Amino acid sequence: MTKVTSVLRLHYKEYVENFKWAFERGCQWSNMGGVEGTLDDGLTKFKDNFNPTINEFIGEFDIPVYPIMYRLTQKAYKILKSKHM
């Protein structure tokens, strides 16, 4: 195992220890936070290692106050996201 791999695996240990702590105190479930709608990003793949149950809720809504700025920022977000994948 390389040094980088061992550092990355610390996240797994942290989650496991947090789960143990919570379950020892009577918790029935634990929330690891949300996931993107596509379920194919790196964070979702990481969370998938813990055999999650994904609960789908209505979600969040964006109500643009400035529609033109909203469209511009959404386009910029998509461009930036595509460059980092």
Protein backbone atom coordinates (compact mmCIF):
# COMPACT_ATOMS: atom_id res chain seq x y z
CA MET A 1 0.00 0.00 0.00
CA THR A 2 1.41 3.37 -0.97
CA LYS A 3 1.53 6.36 1.33
CA VAL A 4 -1.19 8.09 -0.73
CA THR A 5 -3.45 5.03 -0.56
CA SER A 6 -3.02 4.72 3.19
CA VAL A 7 -3.89 8.40 3.68
CA LEU A 8 -7.00 8.04 1.52
CA ARG A 9 -8.13 5.02 3.54
CA LEU A 10 -8.14 7.12 6.71
CA HIS A 11 -11.51 8.48 5.55
CA TYR A 12 -12.93 4.97 5.67
CA LYS A 13 -11.67 4.49 9.22
CA GLU A 14 -13.13 7.84 10.27
CA TYR A 15 -16.57 6.90 8.94
CA VAL A 16 -16.44 3.46 10.55
CA GLU A 17 -15.43 4.91 13.93
CA ASN A 18 -18.18 7.53 13.74
CA PHE A 19 -20.73 4.84 12.87
CA LYS A 20 -19.59 2.66 15.78
CA TRP A 21 -19.80 5.60 18.18
CA ALA A 22 -23.32 6.47 17.02
CA PHE A 23 -24.64 2.90 17.03
CA GLU A 24 -23.22 2.25 20.51
CA ARG A 25 -25.40 5.14 21.67
CA GLY A 26 -28.56 3.72 20.15
CA CYS A 27 -28.68 5.30 16.70
CA GLN A 28 -30.63 3.23 14.18
CA TRP A 29 -29.13 4.85 11.08
CA SER A 30 -26.55 7.42 10.05
CA ASN A 31 -26.64 10.09 7.37
CA MET A 32 -23.57 10.56 5.17
CA GLY A 33 -25.05 13.55 3.41
CA GLY A 34 -26.62 13.88 0.00
CA VAL A 35 -25.66 12.53 -3.41
CA GLU A 36 -25.83 13.99 -6.88
CA GLY A 37 -28.79 13.00 -9.01
CA THR A 38 -26.72 10.88 -11.41
CA LEU A 39 -25.21 8.57 -8.75
CA ASP A 40 -21.99 8.16 -10.75
CA ASP A 41 -19.68 10.73 -9.19
CA GLY A 42 -16.66 9.92 -7.02
CA LEU A 43 -18.30 10.78 -3.72
CA THR A 44 -21.24 8.49 -4.41
CA LYS A 45 -18.84 5.69 -5.36
CA PHE A 46 -17.03 6.21 -2.05
CA LYS A 47 -20.28 6.11 -0.08
CA ASP A 48 -21.33 3.00 -1.99
CA ASN A 49 -18.61 1.10 -0.09
CA PHE A 50 -20.77 1.39 3.03
CA ASN A 51 -23.81 -0.34 1.47
CA PRO A 52 -26.08 2.70 1.76
CA THR A 53 -29.82 3.02 1.51
CA ILE A 54 -30.59 6.08 -0.59
CA ASN A 55 -33.72 7.94 0.44
CA GLU A 56 -35.08 10.19 -2.25
CA PHE A 57 -36.75 13.42 -1.20
CA ILE A 58 -38.41 16.18 -3.18
CA GLY A 59 -35.13 18.07 -3.31
CA GLU A 60 -34.23 21.68 -3.42
CA PHE A 61 -35.60 24.37 -5.62
CA ASP A 62 -33.84 27.36 -7.13
CA ILE A 63 -35.98 30.43 -7.50
CA PRO A 64 -33.88 32.83 -9.56
CA VAL A 65 -34.24 36.44 -8.56
CA TYR A 66 -32.16 37.51 -11.57
CA PRO A 67 -32.99 35.01 -14.36
CA ILE A 68 -30.19 36.14 -16.70
CA MET A 69 -27.53 35.83 -13.98
CA TYR A 70 -28.95 32.48 -12.99
CA ARG A 71 -28.63 31.11 -16.51
CA LEU A 72 -25.07 32.47 -16.80
CA THR A 73 -23.96 30.94 -13.51
CA GLN A 74 -25.56 27.59 -14.39
CA LYS A 75 -23.71 27.55 -17.70
CA ALA A 76 -20.42 28.50 -16.00
CA TYR A 77 -20.93 25.75 -13.42
CA LYS A 78 -21.45 23.12 -16.12
CA ILE A 79 -18.32 24.26 -17.97
CA LEU A 80 -16.18 24.21 -14.82
CA LYS A 81 -17.54 20.85 -13.74
CA SER A 82 -16.80 19.29 -17.14
CA LYS A 83 -13.19 20.51 -17.02
CA HIS A 84 -12.59 18.87 -13.63
CA MET A 85 -13.95 15.42 -14.51
